[in-house]
Amino acid sequence: MNKSDTQKLEAIKARLIEGMRGYIADGDESYTEEEIKKCDKILQQFMMRLGKLGMSVAEIAILDCVKQAVLDLNALNSSVDGCLIETDQREDLCEYILFAAKRSGLKQDGDVTEEWREW
């Protein structure tokens, strides 16, 4: 991934995390900073898995990385009764995951997270 792609992903993630923290600042006690950190770690692991794939990888390998990230996010969100990932966060997470997957070589159009996503 080039520098511009990396900067775009960092901006999406910063917006996502800021949005999650905003709910806490507004008095929402449904989750804590710890869950936000877990979400960040899931995204970091997703990027590491994509990075290990290298160039000229089969789409199924990219989809496996997407699936694992979505399933991990499902479990995290479920652990706080579905409160961590609201509409804005869902949009940011999908944008992040799909952008990274496309930059890694995914050719499919549409939201490939829908198949596994519970948030």
PDB file of N, CA and C in Angstrom:
ATOM      1  N   MET A   1       0.844  -1.179   0.000  1.00  0.00           N
ATOM      2  CA  MET A   1       0.000   0.000   0.000  1.00  0.00           C
ATOM      3  C   MET A   1       0.888   1.241   0.000  1.00  0.00           C
ATOM      4  N   ASN A   2       0.501   2.219  -0.783  1.00  0.00           N
ATOM      5  CA  ASN A   2       1.312   3.425  -0.840  1.00  0.00           C
ATOM      6  C   ASN A   2       0.971   4.364   0.330  1.00  0.00           C
ATOM      7  N   LYS A   3       1.729   5.424   0.427  1.00  0.00           N
ATOM      8  CA  LYS A   3       1.575   6.364   1.543  1.00  0.00           C
ATOM      9  C   LYS A   3       0.189   6.999   1.573  1.00  0.00           C
ATOM     10  N   SER A   4      -0.331   7.336   0.425  1.00  0.00           N
ATOM     11  CA  SER A   4      -1.656   7.951   0.341  1.00  0.00           C
ATOM     12  C   SER A   4      -2.742   6.996   0.848  1.00  0.00           C
ATOM     13  N   ASP A   5      -2.640   5.719   0.464  1.00  0.00           N
ATOM     14  CA  ASP A   5      -3.592   4.712   0.933  1.00  0.00           C
ATOM     15  C   ASP A   5      -3.509   4.555   2.448  1.00  0.00           C
ATOM     16  N   THR A   6      -2.298   4.511   2.953  1.00  0.00           N
ATOM     17  CA  THR A   6      -2.090   4.369   4.395  1.00  0.00           C
ATOM     18  C   THR A   6      -2.670   5.562   5.144  1.00  0.00           C
ATOM     19  N   GLN A   7      -2.468   6.751   4.610  1.00  0.00           N
ATOM     20  CA  GLN A   7      -3.008   7.955   5.246  1.00  0.00           C
ATOM     21  C   GLN A   7      -4.539   7.936   5.243  1.00  0.00           C
ATOM     22  N   LYS A   8      -5.129   7.465   4.150  1.00  0.00           N
ATOM     23  CA  LYS A   8      -6.591   7.390   4.082  1.00  0.00           C
ATOM     24  C   LYS A   8      -7.115   6.410   5.134  1.00  0.00           C
ATOM     25  N   LEU A   9      -6.487   5.258   5.248  1.00  0.00           N
ATOM     26  CA  LEU A   9      -6.904   4.278   6.248  1.00  0.00           C
ATOM     27  C   LEU A   9      -6.754   4.825   7.664  1.00  0.00           C
ATOM     28  N   GLU A  10      -5.659   5.524   7.914  1.00  0.00           N
ATOM     29  CA  GLU A  10      -5.450   6.117   9.241  1.00  0.00           C
ATOM     30  C   GLU A  10      -6.519   7.156   9.546  1.00  0.00           C
ATOM     31  N   ALA A  11      -6.920   7.929   8.546  1.00  0.00           N
ATOM     32  CA  ALA A  11      -7.959   8.947   8.737  1.00  0.00           C
ATOM     33  C   ALA A  11      -9.314   8.299   9.030  1.00  0.00           C
ATOM     34  N   ILE A  12      -9.628   7.237   8.322  1.00  0.00           N
ATOM     35  CA  ILE A  12     -10.894   6.532   8.572  1.00  0.00           C
ATOM     36  C   ILE A  12     -10.894   5.965   9.988  1.00  0.00           C
ATOM     37  N   LYS A  13      -9.790   5.337  10.377  1.00  0.00           N
ATOM     38  CA  LYS A  13      -9.716   4.741  11.711  1.00  0.00           C
ATOM     39  C   LYS A  13      -9.780   5.810  12.790  1.00  0.00           C
ATOM     40  N   ALA A  14      -9.134   6.933  12.579  1.00  0.00           N
ATOM     41  CA  ALA A  14      -9.175   8.029  13.559  1.00  0.00           C
ATOM     42  C   ALA A  14     -10.605   8.530  13.728  1.00  0.00           C
ATOM     43  N   ARG A  15     -11.332   8.663  12.638  1.00  0.00           N
ATOM     44  CA  ARG A  15     -12.727   9.100  12.694  1.00  0.00           C
ATOM     45  C   ARG A  15     -13.585   8.069  13.438  1.00  0.00           C
ATOM     46  N   LEU A  16     -13.340   6.800  13.168  1.00  0.00           N
ATOM     47  CA  LEU A  16     -14.054   5.715  13.835  1.00  0.00           C
ATOM     48  C   LEU A  16     -13.836   5.758  15.343  1.00  0.00           C
ATOM     49  N   ILE A  17     -12.580   5.814  15.748  1.00  0.00           N
ATOM     50  CA  ILE A  17     -12.225   5.814  17.174  1.00  0.00           C
ATOM     51  C   ILE A  17     -12.776   7.063  17.861  1.00  0.00           C
ATOM     52  N   GLU A  18     -12.658   8.197  17.195  1.00  0.00           N
ATOM     53  CA  GLU A  18     -13.190   9.451  17.751  1.00  0.00           C
ATOM     54  C   GLU A  18     -14.700   9.340  17.976  1.00  0.00           C
ATOM     55  N   GLY A  19     -15.387   8.751  17.022  1.00  0.00           N
ATOM     56  CA  GLY A  19     -16.830   8.565  17.152  1.00  0.00           C
ATOM     57  C   GLY A  19     -17.183   7.676  18.328  1.00  0.00           C
ATOM     58  N   MET A  20     -16.432   6.606  18.505  1.00  0.00           N
ATOM     59  CA  MET A  20     -16.673   5.709  19.641  1.00  0.00           C
ATOM     60  C   MET A  20     -16.412   6.423  20.963  1.00  0.00           C
ATOM     61  N   ARG A  21     -15.346   7.178  20.994  1.00  0.00           N
ATOM     62  CA  ARG A  21     -15.028   7.926  22.224  1.00  0.00           C
ATOM     63  C   ARG A  21     -16.077   9.003  22.500  1.00  0.00           C
ATOM     64  N   GLY A  22     -16.665   9.542  21.446  1.00  0.00           N
ATOM     65  CA  GLY A  22     -17.700  10.555  21.606  1.00  0.00           C
ATOM     66  C   GLY A  22     -18.897  10.045  22.386  1.00  0.00           C
ATOM     67  N   TYR A  23     -19.265   8.789  22.158  1.00  0.00           N
ATOM     68  CA  TYR A  23     -20.386   8.209  22.902  1.00  0.00           C
ATOM     69  C   TYR A  23     -20.058   8.112  24.387  1.00  0.00           C
ATOM     70  N   ILE A  24     -18.826   7.745  24.696  1.00  0.00           N
ATOM     71  CA  ILE A  24     -18.410   7.669  26.100  1.00  0.00           C
ATOM     72  C   ILE A  24     -18.442   9.060  26.723  1.00  0.00           C
ATOM     73  N   ALA A  25     -17.919  10.042  25.995  1.00  0.00           N
ATOM     74  CA  ALA A  25     -17.891  11.420  26.505  1.00  0.00           C
ATOM     75  C   ALA A  25     -19.297  11.961  26.743  1.00  0.00           C
ATOM     76  N   ASP A  26     -20.259  11.484  25.956  1.00  0.00           N
ATOM     77  CA  ASP A  26     -21.645  11.918  26.118  1.00  0.00           C
ATOM     78  C   ASP A  26     -22.364  11.175  27.234  1.00  0.00           C
ATOM     79  N   GLY A  27     -21.634  10.320  27.939  1.00  0.00           N
ATOM     80  CA  GLY A  27     -22.215   9.624  29.085  1.00  0.00           C
ATOM     81  C   GLY A  27     -22.693   8.216  28.803  1.00  0.00           C
ATOM     82  N   ASP A  28     -22.462   7.715  27.606  1.00  0.00           N
ATOM     83  CA  ASP A  28     -22.852   6.340  27.296  1.00  0.00           C
ATOM     84  C   ASP A  28     -21.882   5.395  28.006  1.00  0.00           C
ATOM     85  N   GLU A  29     -22.407   4.586  28.889  1.00  0.00           N
ATOM     86  CA  GLU A  29     -21.574   3.665  29.659  1.00  0.00           C
ATOM     87  C   GLU A  29     -21.737   2.222  29.197  1.00  0.00           C
ATOM     88  N   SER A  30     -22.178   2.036  27.958  1.00  0.00           N
ATOM     89  CA  SER A  30     -22.403   0.702  27.422  1.00  0.00           C
ATOM     90  C   SER A  30     -21.101  -0.039  27.125  1.00  0.00           C
ATOM     91  N   TYR A  31     -20.028   0.710  26.932  1.00  0.00           N
ATOM     92  CA  TYR A  31     -18.711   0.137  26.694  1.00  0.00           C
ATOM     93  C   TYR A  31     -17.667   1.101  27.222  1.00  0.00           C
ATOM     94  N   THR A  32     -16.420   0.645  27.253  1.00  0.00           N
ATOM     95  CA  THR A  32     -15.329   1.435  27.823  1.00  0.00           C
ATOM     96  C   THR A  32     -14.221   1.642  26.791  1.00  0.00           C
ATOM     97  N   GLU A  33     -13.234   2.372  27.204  1.00  0.00           N
ATOM     98  CA  GLU A  33     -12.049   2.585  26.372  1.00  0.00           C
ATOM     99  C   GLU A  33     -11.398   1.246  26.022  1.00  0.00           C
ATOM    100  N   GLU A  34     -11.519   0.285  26.885  1.00  0.00           N
ATOM    101  CA  GLU A  34     -10.937  -1.040  26.634  1.00  0.00           C
ATOM    102  C   GLU A  34     -11.527  -1.680  25.370  1.00  0.00           C
ATOM    103  N   GLU A  35     -12.830  -1.570  25.187  1.00  0.00           N
ATOM    104  CA  GLU A  35     -13.448  -2.119  23.985  1.00  0.00           C
ATOM    105  C   GLU A  35     -13.006  -1.357  22.734  1.00  0.00           C
ATOM    106  N   ILE A  36     -12.811  -0.060  22.864  1.00  0.00           N
ATOM    107  CA  ILE A  36     -12.309   0.727  21.733  1.00  0.00           C
ATOM    108  C   ILE A  36     -10.907   0.252  21.355  1.00  0.00           C
ATOM    109  N   LYS A  37     -10.088  -0.007  22.348  1.00  0.00           N
ATOM    110  CA  LYS A  37      -8.734  -0.519  22.087  1.00  0.00           C
ATOM    111  C   LYS A  37      -8.791  -1.890  21.425  1.00  0.00           C
ATOM    112  N   LYS A  38      -9.734  -2.712  21.832  1.00  0.00           N
ATOM    113  CA  LYS A  38      -9.887  -4.036  21.213  1.00  0.00           C
ATOM    114  C   LYS A  38     -10.289  -3.895  19.745  1.00  0.00           C
ATOM    115  N   CYS A  39     -11.156  -2.951  19.452  1.00  0.00           N
ATOM    116  CA  CYS A  39     -11.548  -2.695  18.064  1.00  0.00           C
ATOM    117  C   CYS A  39     -10.329  -2.274  17.243  1.00  0.00           C
ATOM    118  N   ASP A  40      -9.534  -1.376  17.788  1.00  0.00           N
ATOM    119  CA  ASP A  40      -8.323  -0.928  17.113  1.00  0.00           C
ATOM    120  C   ASP A  40      -7.391  -2.115  16.858  1.00  0.00           C
ATOM    121  N   LYS A  41      -7.259  -2.979  17.834  1.00  0.00           N
ATOM    122  CA  LYS A  41      -6.377  -4.147  17.688  1.00  0.00           C
ATOM    123  C   LYS A  41      -6.892  -5.093  16.593  1.00  0.00           C
ATOM    124  N   ILE A  42      -8.202  -5.270  16.505  1.00  0.00           N
ATOM    125  CA  ILE A  42      -8.777  -6.107  15.448  1.00  0.00           C
ATOM    126  C   ILE A  42      -8.406  -5.540  14.074  1.00  0.00           C
ATOM    127  N   LEU A  43      -8.482  -4.221  13.931  1.00  0.00           N
ATOM    128  CA  LEU A  43      -8.128  -3.596  12.654  1.00  0.00           C
ATOM    129  C   LEU A  43      -6.635  -3.729  12.371  1.00  0.00           C
ATOM    130  N   GLN A  44      -5.811  -3.615  13.403  1.00  0.00           N
ATOM    131  CA  GLN A  44      -4.375  -3.807  13.228  1.00  0.00           C
ATOM    132  C   GLN A  44      -4.071  -5.238  12.780  1.00  0.00           C
ATOM    133  N   GLN A  45      -4.732  -6.211  13.409  1.00  0.00           N
ATOM    134  CA  GLN A  45      -4.524  -7.613  13.030  1.00  0.00           C
ATOM    135  C   GLN A  45      -4.985  -7.868  11.594  1.00  0.00           C
ATOM    136  N   PHE A  46      -6.089  -7.257  11.221  1.00  0.00           N
ATOM    137  CA  PHE A  46      -6.590  -7.362   9.855  1.00  0.00           C
ATOM    138  C   PHE A  46      -5.538  -6.873   8.863  1.00  0.00           C
ATOM    139  N   MET A  47      -4.967  -5.722   9.137  1.00  0.00           N
ATOM    140  CA  MET A  47      -3.950  -5.162   8.244  1.00  0.00           C
ATOM    141  C   MET A  47      -2.698  -6.033   8.209  1.00  0.00           C
ATOM    142  N   MET A  48      -2.319  -6.602   9.347  1.00  0.00           N
ATOM    143  CA  MET A  48      -1.154  -7.491   9.368  1.00  0.00           C
ATOM    144  C   MET A  48      -1.411  -8.742   8.529  1.00  0.00           C
ATOM    145  N   ARG A  49      -2.613  -9.303   8.648  1.00  0.00           N
ATOM    146  CA  ARG A  49      -2.942 -10.494   7.855  1.00  0.00           C
ATOM    147  C   ARG A  49      -2.915 -10.163   6.363  1.00  0.00           C
ATOM    148  N   LEU A  50      -3.495  -9.015   5.990  1.00  0.00           N
ATOM    149  CA  LEU A  50      -3.449  -8.611   4.580  1.00  0.00           C
ATOM    150  C   LEU A  50      -2.012  -8.413   4.123  1.00  0.00           C
ATOM    151  N   GLY A  51      -1.200  -7.786   4.965  1.00  0.00           N
ATOM    152  CA  GLY A  51       0.188  -7.515   4.615  1.00  0.00           C
ATOM    153  C   GLY A  51       1.003  -8.782   4.395  1.00  0.00           C
ATOM    154  N   LYS A  52       0.662  -9.835   5.097  1.00  0.00           N
ATOM    155  CA  LYS A  52       1.381 -11.103   4.954  1.00  0.00           C
ATOM    156  C   LYS A  52       1.035 -11.830   3.665  1.00  0.00           C
ATOM    157  N   LEU A  53      -0.055 -11.428   3.024  1.00  0.00           N
ATOM    158  CA  LEU A  53      -0.481 -12.111   1.807  1.00  0.00           C
ATOM    159  C   LEU A  53       0.434 -11.821   0.630  1.00  0.00           C
ATOM    160  N   GLY A  54       1.009 -10.629   0.586  1.00  0.00           N
ATOM    161  CA  GLY A  54       1.883 -10.269  -0.513  1.00  0.00           C
ATOM    162  C   GLY A  54       1.108  -9.910  -1.771  1.00  0.00           C
ATOM    163  N   MET A  55       1.808  -9.816  -2.850  1.00  0.00           N
ATOM    164  CA  MET A  55       1.221  -9.426  -4.133  1.00  0.00           C
ATOM    165  C   MET A  55       0.708 -10.670  -4.864  1.00  0.00           C
ATOM    166  N   SER A  56      -0.166 -10.451  -5.826  1.00  0.00           N
ATOM    167  CA  SER A  56      -0.714 -11.514  -6.667  1.00  0.00           C
ATOM    168  C   SER A  56      -1.330 -12.638  -5.840  1.00  0.00           C
ATOM    169  N   VAL A  57      -2.153 -12.251  -4.901  1.00  0.00           N
ATOM    170  CA  VAL A  57      -2.790 -13.231  -4.026  1.00  0.00           C
ATOM    171  C   VAL A  57      -4.199 -13.538  -4.528  1.00  0.00           C
ATOM    172  N   ALA A  58      -4.665 -14.736  -4.254  1.00  0.00           N
ATOM    173  CA  ALA A  58      -6.021 -15.125  -4.645  1.00  0.00           C
ATOM    174  C   ALA A  58      -7.035 -14.343  -3.815  1.00  0.00           C
ATOM    175  N   GLU A  59      -8.138 -13.985  -4.451  1.00  0.00           N
ATOM    176  CA  GLU A  59      -9.171 -13.215  -3.763  1.00  0.00           C
ATOM    177  C   GLU A  59      -9.698 -13.938  -2.525  1.00  0.00           C
ATOM    178  N   ILE A  60      -9.741 -15.259  -2.558  1.00  0.00           N
ATOM    179  CA  ILE A  60     -10.252 -16.011  -1.417  1.00  0.00           C
ATOM    180  C   ILE A  60      -9.409 -15.748  -0.169  1.00  0.00           C
ATOM    181  N   ALA A  61      -8.123 -15.541  -0.336  1.00  0.00           N
ATOM    182  CA  ALA A  61      -7.256 -15.248   0.804  1.00  0.00           C
ATOM    183  C   ALA A  61      -7.592 -13.874   1.392  1.00  0.00           C
ATOM    184  N   ILE A  62      -7.876 -12.916   0.538  1.00  0.00           N
ATOM    185  CA  ILE A  62      -8.274 -11.581   1.005  1.00  0.00           C
ATOM    186  C   ILE A  62      -9.615 -11.670   1.712  1.00  0.00           C
ATOM    187  N   LEU A  63     -10.551 -12.414   1.127  1.00  0.00           N
ATOM    188  CA  LEU A  63     -11.866 -12.579   1.747  1.00  0.00           C
ATOM    189  C   LEU A  63     -11.763 -13.282   3.095  1.00  0.00           C
ATOM    190  N   ASP A  64     -10.824 -14.200   3.239  1.00  0.00           N
ATOM    191  CA  ASP A  64     -10.611 -14.847   4.535  1.00  0.00           C
ATOM    192  C   ASP A  64     -10.183 -13.824   5.587  1.00  0.00           C
ATOM    193  N   CYS A  65      -9.332 -12.884   5.193  1.00  0.00           N
ATOM    194  CA  CYS A  65      -8.907 -11.819   6.122  1.00  0.00           C
ATOM    195  C   CYS A  65     -10.097 -10.942   6.497  1.00  0.00           C
ATOM    196  N   VAL A  66     -10.917 -10.594   5.507  1.00  0.00           N
ATOM    197  CA  VAL A  66     -12.109  -9.785   5.756  1.00  0.00           C
ATOM    198  C   VAL A  66     -13.046 -10.530   6.705  1.00  0.00           C
ATOM    199  N   LYS A  67     -13.286 -11.794   6.408  1.00  0.00           N
ATOM    200  CA  LYS A  67     -14.189 -12.598   7.229  1.00  0.00           C
ATOM    201  C   LYS A  67     -13.718 -12.644   8.683  1.00  0.00           C
ATOM    202  N   GLN A  68     -12.435 -12.889   8.896  1.00  0.00           N
ATOM    203  CA  GLN A  68     -11.918 -12.977  10.260  1.00  0.00           C
ATOM    204  C   GLN A  68     -12.103 -11.657  10.999  1.00  0.00           C
ATOM    205  N   ALA A  69     -11.828 -10.549  10.338  1.00  0.00           N
ATOM    206  CA  ALA A  69     -12.003  -9.239  10.973  1.00  0.00           C
ATOM    207  C   ALA A  69     -13.465  -9.001  11.330  1.00  0.00           C
ATOM    208  N   VAL A  70     -14.362  -9.325  10.412  1.00  0.00           N
ATOM    209  CA  VAL A  70     -15.796  -9.115  10.657  1.00  0.00           C
ATOM    210  C   VAL A  70     -16.273 -10.002  11.807  1.00  0.00           C
ATOM    211  N   LEU A  71     -15.854 -11.255  11.823  1.00  0.00           N
ATOM    212  CA  LEU A  71     -16.253 -12.152  12.910  1.00  0.00           C
ATOM    213  C   LEU A  71     -15.713 -11.680  14.256  1.00  0.00           C
ATOM    214  N   ASP A  72     -14.479 -11.178  14.263  1.00  0.00           N
ATOM    215  CA  ASP A  72     -13.898 -10.637  15.500  1.00  0.00           C
ATOM    216  C   ASP A  72     -14.675  -9.407  15.965  1.00  0.00           C
ATOM    217  N   LEU A  73     -15.047  -8.551  15.028  1.00  0.00           N
ATOM    218  CA  LEU A  73     -15.842  -7.363  15.365  1.00  0.00           C
ATOM    219  C   LEU A  73     -17.238  -7.756  15.840  1.00  0.00           C
ATOM    220  N   ASN A  74     -17.827  -8.786  15.233  1.00  0.00           N
ATOM    221  CA  ASN A  74     -19.120  -9.289  15.700  1.00  0.00           C
ATOM    222  C   ASN A  74     -19.038  -9.694  17.166  1.00  0.00           C
ATOM    223  N   ALA A  75     -18.011 -10.462  17.503  1.00  0.00           N
ATOM    224  CA  ALA A  75     -17.848 -10.948  18.872  1.00  0.00           C
ATOM    225  C   ALA A  75     -17.642  -9.789  19.841  1.00  0.00           C
ATOM    226  N   LEU A  76     -16.815  -8.832  19.456  1.00  0.00           N
ATOM    227  CA  LEU A  76     -16.565  -7.674  20.312  1.00  0.00           C
ATOM    228  C   LEU A  76     -17.843  -6.885  20.532  1.00  0.00           C
ATOM    229  N   ASN A  77     -18.572  -6.601  19.466  1.00  0.00           N
ATOM    230  CA  ASN A  77     -19.801  -5.830  19.574  1.00  0.00           C
ATOM    231  C   ASN A  77     -20.847  -6.581  20.400  1.00  0.00           C
ATOM    232  N   SER A  78     -20.910  -7.876  20.219  1.00  0.00           N
ATOM    233  CA  SER A  78     -21.848  -8.699  20.985  1.00  0.00           C
ATOM    234  C   SER A  78     -21.521  -8.668  22.476  1.00  0.00           C
ATOM    235  N   SER A  79     -20.232  -8.583  22.802  1.00  0.00           N
ATOM    236  CA  SER A  79     -19.817  -8.581  24.211  1.00  0.00           C
ATOM    237  C   SER A  79     -20.292  -7.338  24.968  1.00  0.00           C
ATOM    238  N   VAL A  80     -20.691  -6.297  24.229  1.00  0.00           N
ATOM    239  CA  VAL A  80     -21.226  -5.081  24.854  1.00  0.00           C
ATOM    240  C   VAL A  80     -22.660  -4.842  24.378  1.00  0.00           C
ATOM    241  N   ASP A  81     -23.369  -5.945  24.184  1.00  0.00           N
ATOM    242  CA  ASP A  81     -24.784  -5.919  23.802  1.00  0.00           C
ATOM    243  C   ASP A  81     -25.072  -5.094  22.552  1.00  0.00           C
ATOM    244  N   GLY A  82     -24.145  -5.106  21.592  1.00  0.00           N
ATOM    245  CA  GLY A  82     -24.365  -4.425  20.325  1.00  0.00           C
ATOM    246  C   GLY A  82     -24.252  -2.917  20.370  1.00  0.00           C
ATOM    247  N   CYS A  83     -23.655  -2.392  21.427  1.00  0.00           N
ATOM    248  CA  CYS A  83     -23.609  -0.930  21.607  1.00  0.00           C
ATOM    249  C   CYS A  83     -22.378  -0.249  21.017  1.00  0.00           C
ATOM    250  N   LEU A  84     -21.333  -0.999  20.741  1.00  0.00           N
ATOM    251  CA  LEU A  84     -20.083  -0.379  20.286  1.00  0.00           C
ATOM    252  C   LEU A  84     -20.179   0.122  18.848  1.00  0.00           C
ATOM    253  N   ILE A  85     -20.798  -0.655  17.992  1.00  0.00           N
ATOM    254  CA  ILE A  85     -20.831  -0.329  16.573  1.00  0.00           C
ATOM    255  C   ILE A  85     -22.228   0.166  16.203  1.00  0.00           C
ATOM    256  N   GLU A  86     -22.350   1.484  16.129  1.00  0.00           N
ATOM    257  CA  GLU A  86     -23.588   2.137  15.713  1.00  0.00           C
ATOM    258  C   GLU A  86     -23.494   2.436  14.217  1.00  0.00           C
ATOM    259  N   THR A  87     -24.441   3.114  13.655  1.00  0.00           N
ATOM    260  CA  THR A  87     -24.494   3.362  12.213  1.00  0.00           C
ATOM    261  C   THR A  87     -23.224   4.026  11.684  1.00  0.00           C
ATOM    262  N   ASP A  88     -22.783   5.110  12.330  1.00  0.00           N
ATOM    263  CA  ASP A  88     -21.577   5.808  11.861  1.00  0.00           C
ATOM    264  C   ASP A  88     -20.360   4.902  11.924  1.00  0.00           C
ATOM    265  N   GLN A  89     -20.243   4.138  13.000  1.00  0.00           N
ATOM    266  CA  GLN A  89     -19.101   3.242  13.148  1.00  0.00           C
ATOM    267  C   GLN A  89     -19.160   2.117  12.116  1.00  0.00           C
ATOM    268  N   ARG A  90     -20.358   1.624  11.845  1.00  0.00           N
ATOM    269  CA  ARG A  90     -20.512   0.570  10.832  1.00  0.00           C
ATOM    270  C   ARG A  90     -20.022   1.086   9.481  1.00  0.00           C
ATOM    271  N   GLU A  91     -20.425   2.292   9.136  1.00  0.00           N
ATOM    272  CA  GLU A  91     -20.001   2.865   7.852  1.00  0.00           C
ATOM    273  C   GLU A  91     -18.492   3.032   7.791  1.00  0.00           C
ATOM    274  N   ASP A  92     -17.895   3.520   8.874  1.00  0.00           N
ATOM    275  CA  ASP A  92     -16.437   3.685   8.907  1.00  0.00           C
ATOM    276  C   ASP A  92     -15.723   2.337   8.836  1.00  0.00           C
ATOM    277  N   LEU A  93     -16.217   1.353   9.580  1.00  0.00           N
ATOM    278  CA  LEU A  93     -15.586   0.030   9.562  1.00  0.00           C
ATOM    279  C   LEU A  93     -15.668  -0.595   8.172  1.00  0.00           C
ATOM    280  N   CYS A  94     -16.816  -0.507   7.552  1.00  0.00           N
ATOM    281  CA  CYS A  94     -16.965  -1.061   6.201  1.00  0.00           C
ATOM    282  C   CYS A  94     -16.050  -0.342   5.216  1.00  0.00           C
ATOM    283  N   GLU A  95     -16.014   0.974   5.298  1.00  0.00           N
ATOM    284  CA  GLU A  95     -15.137   1.732   4.403  1.00  0.00           C
ATOM    285  C   GLU A  95     -13.682   1.315   4.600  1.00  0.00           C
ATOM    286  N   TYR A  96     -13.263   1.184   5.836  1.00  0.00           N
ATOM    287  CA  TYR A  96     -11.889   0.802   6.167  1.00  0.00           C
ATOM    288  C   TYR A  96     -11.571  -0.587   5.608  1.00  0.00           C
ATOM    289  N   ILE A  97     -12.407  -1.552   5.947  1.00  0.00           N
ATOM    290  CA  ILE A  97     -12.163  -2.937   5.546  1.00  0.00           C
ATOM    291  C   ILE A  97     -12.196  -3.082   4.028  1.00  0.00           C
ATOM    292  N   LEU A  98     -13.185  -2.489   3.392  1.00  0.00           N
ATOM    293  CA  LEU A  98     -13.314  -2.619   1.943  1.00  0.00           C
ATOM    294  C   LEU A  98     -12.192  -1.909   1.193  1.00  0.00           C
ATOM    295  N   PHE A  99     -11.810  -0.727   1.669  1.00  0.00           N
ATOM    296  CA  PHE A  99     -10.716   0.001   1.027  1.00  0.00           C
ATOM    297  C   PHE A  99      -9.420  -0.817   1.116  1.00  0.00           C
ATOM    298  N   ALA A 100      -9.124  -1.322   2.308  1.00  0.00           N
ATOM    299  CA  ALA A 100      -7.900  -2.114   2.486  1.00  0.00           C
ATOM    300  C   ALA A 100      -7.936  -3.380   1.637  1.00  0.00           C
ATOM    301  N   ALA A 101      -9.087  -4.036   1.572  1.00  0.00           N
ATOM    302  CA  ALA A 101      -9.209  -5.258   0.779  1.00  0.00           C
ATOM    303  C   ALA A 101      -9.011  -4.969  -0.711  1.00  0.00           C
ATOM    304  N   LYS A 102      -9.610  -3.881  -1.186  1.00  0.00           N
ATOM    305  CA  LYS A 102      -9.454  -3.508  -2.596  1.00  0.00           C
ATOM    306  C   LYS A 102      -7.991  -3.202  -2.920  1.00  0.00           C
ATOM    307  N   ARG A 103      -7.329  -2.497  -2.027  1.00  0.00           N
ATOM    308  CA  ARG A 103      -5.925  -2.146  -2.250  1.00  0.00           C
ATOM    309  C   ARG A 103      -5.018  -3.380  -2.184  1.00  0.00           C
ATOM    310  N   SER A 104      -5.519  -4.437  -1.579  1.00  0.00           N
ATOM    311  CA  SER A 104      -4.762  -5.689  -1.500  1.00  0.00           C
ATOM    312  C   SER A 104      -5.043  -6.604  -2.681  1.00  0.00           C
ATOM    313  N   GLY A 105      -5.993  -6.197  -3.535  1.00  0.00           N
ATOM    314  CA  GLY A 105      -6.245  -6.957  -4.746  1.00  0.00           C
ATOM    315  C   GLY A 105      -7.646  -7.510  -4.905  1.00  0.00           C
ATOM    316  N   LEU A 106      -8.540  -7.236  -3.976  1.00  0.00           N
ATOM    317  CA  LEU A 106      -9.915  -7.712  -4.101  1.00  0.00           C
ATOM    318  C   LEU A 106     -10.585  -7.018  -5.279  1.00  0.00           C
ATOM    319  N   LYS A 107     -11.164  -7.793  -6.167  1.00  0.00           N
ATOM    320  CA  LYS A 107     -11.792  -7.243  -7.371  1.00  0.00           C
ATOM    321  C   LYS A 107     -13.310  -7.143  -7.244  1.00  0.00           C
ATOM    322  N   GLN A 108     -13.900  -7.857  -6.311  1.00  0.00           N
ATOM    323  CA  GLN A 108     -15.360  -7.868  -6.171  1.00  0.00           C
ATOM    324  C   GLN A 108     -15.893  -6.482  -5.823  1.00  0.00           C
ATOM    325  N   ASP A 109     -17.049  -6.178  -6.373  1.00  0.00           N
ATOM    326  CA  ASP A 109     -17.725  -4.933  -6.050  1.00  0.00           C
ATOM    327  C   ASP A 109     -18.731  -5.190  -4.938  1.00  0.00           C
ATOM    328  N   GLY A 110     -19.180  -4.136  -4.336  1.00  0.00           N
ATOM    329  CA  GLY A 110     -20.181  -4.265  -3.287  1.00  0.00           C
ATOM    330  C   GLY A 110     -19.554  -4.485  -1.926  1.00  0.00           C
ATOM    331  N   ASP A 111     -20.418  -4.646  -0.958  1.00  0.00           N
ATOM    332  CA  ASP A 111     -19.977  -4.792   0.428  1.00  0.00           C
ATOM    333  C   ASP A 111     -19.824  -6.270   0.761  1.00  0.00           C
ATOM    334  N   VAL A 112     -18.604  -6.761   0.671  1.00  0.00           N
ATOM    335  CA  VAL A 112     -18.344  -8.177   0.932  1.00  0.00           C
ATOM    336  C   VAL A 112     -18.431  -8.517   2.418  1.00  0.00           C
ATOM    337  N   THR A 113     -18.544  -7.520   3.285  1.00  0.00           N
ATOM    338  CA  THR A 113     -18.658  -7.795   4.733  1.00  0.00           C
ATOM    339  C   THR A 113     -20.058  -8.271   5.108  1.00  0.00           C
ATOM    340  N   GLU A 114     -21.049  -7.954   4.279  1.00  0.00           N
ATOM    341  CA  GLU A 114     -22.452  -8.246   4.613  1.00  0.00           C
ATOM    342  C   GLU A 114     -22.704  -9.720   4.912  1.00  0.00           C
ATOM    343  N   GLU A 115     -21.993 -10.584   4.240  1.00  0.00           N
ATOM    344  CA  GLU A 115     -22.211 -12.016   4.409  1.00  0.00           C
ATOM    345  C   GLU A 115     -22.010 -12.468   5.860  1.00  0.00           C
ATOM    346  N   TRP A 116     -21.077 -11.822   6.573  1.00  0.00           N
ATOM    347  CA  TRP A 116     -20.752 -12.243   7.937  1.00  0.00           C
ATOM    348  C   TRP A 116     -21.128 -11.212   8.987  1.00  0.00           C
ATOM    349  N   ARG A 117     -21.412 -10.006   8.568  1.00  0.00           N
ATOM    350  CA  ARG A 117     -21.586  -8.881   9.487  1.00  0.00           C
ATOM    351  C   ARG A 117     -22.909  -8.964  10.254  1.00  0.00           C
ATOM    352  N   GLU A 118     -22.813  -8.761  11.581  1.00  0.00           N
ATOM    353  CA  GLU A 118     -23.986  -8.720  12.453  1.00  0.00           C
ATOM    354  C   GLU A 118     -24.221  -7.327  13.030  1.00  0.00           C
ATOM    355  N   TRP A 119     -23.408  -6.378  12.672  1.00  0.00           N
ATOM    356  CA  TRP A 119     -23.526  -5.022  13.204  1.00  0.00           C
ATOM    357  C   TRP A 119     -24.011  -4.074  12.145  1.00  0.00           C
TER     358      TRP A 119
END
